[in-house]
C-alpha atoms as a PDB file:
ATOM      1  CA  MET A   1     -21.539  -5.871  27.773  1.00  0.00           C
ATOM      2  CA  ASP A   2     -19.868  -8.959  26.424  1.00  0.00           C
ATOM      3  CA  ARG A   3     -19.507 -10.173  22.889  1.00  0.00           C
ATOM      4  CA  LEU A   4     -18.918 -13.691  24.209  1.00  0.00           C
ATOM      5  CA  ASN A   5     -22.429 -13.595  25.678  1.00  0.00           C
ATOM      6  CA  GLY A   6     -23.888 -12.816  22.269  1.00  0.00           C
ATOM      7  CA  GLU A   7     -24.316  -9.050  22.372  1.00  0.00           C
ATOM      8  CA  SER A   8     -24.117  -7.428  18.971  1.00  0.00           C
ATOM      9  CA  LEU A   9     -21.170  -5.228  18.124  1.00  0.00           C
ATOM     10  CA  THR A  10     -23.382  -2.210  17.568  1.00  0.00           C
ATOM     11  CA  ILE A  11     -24.903  -2.555  21.057  1.00  0.00           C
ATOM     12  CA  ILE A  12     -21.454  -2.822  22.643  1.00  0.00           C
ATOM     13  CA  PHE A  13     -20.199   0.260  20.801  1.00  0.00           C
ATOM     14  CA  THR A  14     -23.321   2.379  21.434  1.00  0.00           C
ATOM     15  CA  GLU A  15     -23.387   1.430  25.135  1.00  0.00           C
ATOM     16  CA  ASN A  16     -19.852   2.762  25.360  1.00  0.00           C
ATOM     17  CA  GLY A  17     -20.631   6.163  23.896  1.00  0.00           C
ATOM     18  CA  PHE A  18     -20.022   5.748  20.167  1.00  0.00           C
ATOM     19  CA  THR A  19     -22.515   7.380  17.805  1.00  0.00           C
ATOM     20  CA  LEU A  20     -22.683   5.028  14.850  1.00  0.00           C
ATOM     21  CA  GLU A  21     -24.316   7.651  12.634  1.00  0.00           C
ATOM     22  CA  ILE A  22     -21.097   9.656  12.970  1.00  0.00           C
ATOM     23  CA  ILE A  23     -18.430   6.927  12.847  1.00  0.00           C
ATOM     24  CA  ASP A  24     -20.146   4.599  10.315  1.00  0.00           C
ATOM     25  CA  LYS A  25     -22.062   1.417  11.034  1.00  0.00           C
ATOM     26  CA  ASP A  26     -19.266  -0.825   9.719  1.00  0.00           C
ATOM     27  CA  ILE A  27     -16.624   0.507  12.121  1.00  0.00           C
ATOM     28  CA  PRO A  28     -17.451  -1.905  14.991  1.00  0.00           C
ATOM     29  CA  LYS A  29     -17.066  -4.928  12.724  1.00  0.00           C
ATOM     30  CA  LYS A  30     -13.804  -3.611  11.238  1.00  0.00           C
ATOM     31  CA  LYS A  31     -12.341  -2.762  14.663  1.00  0.00           C
ATOM     32  CA  ILE A  32     -13.227  -6.147  16.153  1.00  0.00           C
ATOM     33  CA  TYR A  33     -11.664  -7.858  13.115  1.00  0.00           C
ATOM     34  CA  ASN A  34      -8.448  -5.822  13.515  1.00  0.00           C
ATOM     35  CA  TRP A  35      -8.325  -6.398  17.275  1.00  0.00           C
ATOM     36  CA  GLN A  36      -8.866 -10.142  16.770  1.00  0.00           C
ATOM     37  CA  LYS A  37      -5.914 -10.281  14.332  1.00  0.00           C
ATOM     38  CA  VAL A  38      -3.686  -8.491  16.861  1.00  0.00           C
ATOM     39  CA  TYR A  39      -4.852 -10.769  19.680  1.00  0.00           C
ATOM     40  CA  ASP A  40      -4.268 -13.924  17.611  1.00  0.00           C
ATOM     41  CA  LYS A  41      -0.754 -12.753  16.726  1.00  0.00           C
ATOM     42  CA  ASP A  42       0.447 -11.136  19.980  1.00  0.00           C
ATOM     43  CA  GLY A  43      -2.086 -12.089  22.657  1.00  0.00           C
ATOM     44  CA  LYS A  44      -3.328  -9.759  25.372  1.00  0.00           C
ATOM     45  CA  LEU A  45      -0.075  -7.797  25.377  1.00  0.00           C
ATOM     46  CA  GLY A  46      -0.601  -6.924  21.703  1.00  0.00           C
ATOM     47  CA  LEU A  47      -3.877  -5.202  22.584  1.00  0.00           C
ATOM     48  CA  GLN A  48      -2.233  -3.308  25.440  1.00  0.00           C
ATOM     49  CA  THR A  49       0.661  -1.992  23.322  1.00  0.00           C
ATOM     50  CA  ASP A  50       0.128   1.188  21.305  1.00  0.00           C
ATOM     51  CA  THR A  51       1.713   0.734  17.869  1.00  0.00           C
ATOM     52  CA  ARG A  52       0.123   3.708  16.105  1.00  0.00           C
ATOM     53  CA  GLY A  53       2.611   5.649  14.030  1.00  0.00           C
ATOM     54  CA  GLN A  54       5.232   2.913  14.037  1.00  0.00           C
ATOM     55  CA  ALA A  55       6.515   1.715  10.693  1.00  0.00           C
ATOM     56  CA  LYS A  56       5.862  -1.868   9.775  1.00  0.00           C
ATOM     57  CA  ALA A  57       8.856  -4.168   9.421  1.00  0.00           C
ATOM     58  CA  TYR A  58      10.292  -4.235   5.906  1.00  0.00           C
ATOM     59  CA  GLN A  59       9.454  -7.426   4.062  1.00  0.00           C
ATOM     60  CA  PRO A  60      11.544  -7.945   0.926  1.00  0.00           C
ATOM     61  CA  SER A  61       9.898  -9.161  -2.234  1.00  0.00           C
ATOM     62  CA  GLN A  62       9.584 -12.909  -2.603  1.00  0.00           C
ATOM     63  CA  LYS A  63      10.447 -12.879  -6.305  1.00  0.00           C
ATOM     64  CA  GLU A  64      13.950 -12.562  -7.706  1.00  0.00           C
ATOM     65  CA  LEU A  65      14.493  -9.322  -9.615  1.00  0.00           C
ATOM     66  CA  SER A  66      15.691  -9.388 -13.204  1.00  0.00           C
ATOM     67  CA  VAL A  67      18.782  -7.382 -14.221  1.00  0.00           C
ATOM     68  CA  GLU A  68      16.505  -4.782 -15.853  1.00  0.00           C
ATOM     69  CA  GLU A  69      14.460  -4.401 -12.658  1.00  0.00           C
ATOM     70  CA  LYS A  70      17.623  -4.040 -10.575  1.00  0.00           C
ATOM     71  CA  LEU A  71      18.930  -1.319 -12.899  1.00  0.00           C
ATOM     72  CA  ARG A  72      15.680   0.649 -12.570  1.00  0.00           C
ATOM     73  CA  MET A  73      16.123   0.882  -8.794  1.00  0.00           C
END
């Protein structure tokens, strides 16, 4: 069971007990994509850290607000 050795994502998921008819055939591809993003950003520790339910860091808007937009807030 190793994606690096060329096994398909569906084989890896089904060998580990996932029923693709229930969870959707696209789930393996989406999960691997998400896990790859986490790994690229935070490395192995990022995959070992549970961040479910944690709010994402606030990122302010890149554009400057007009006076009218500021008044609406």
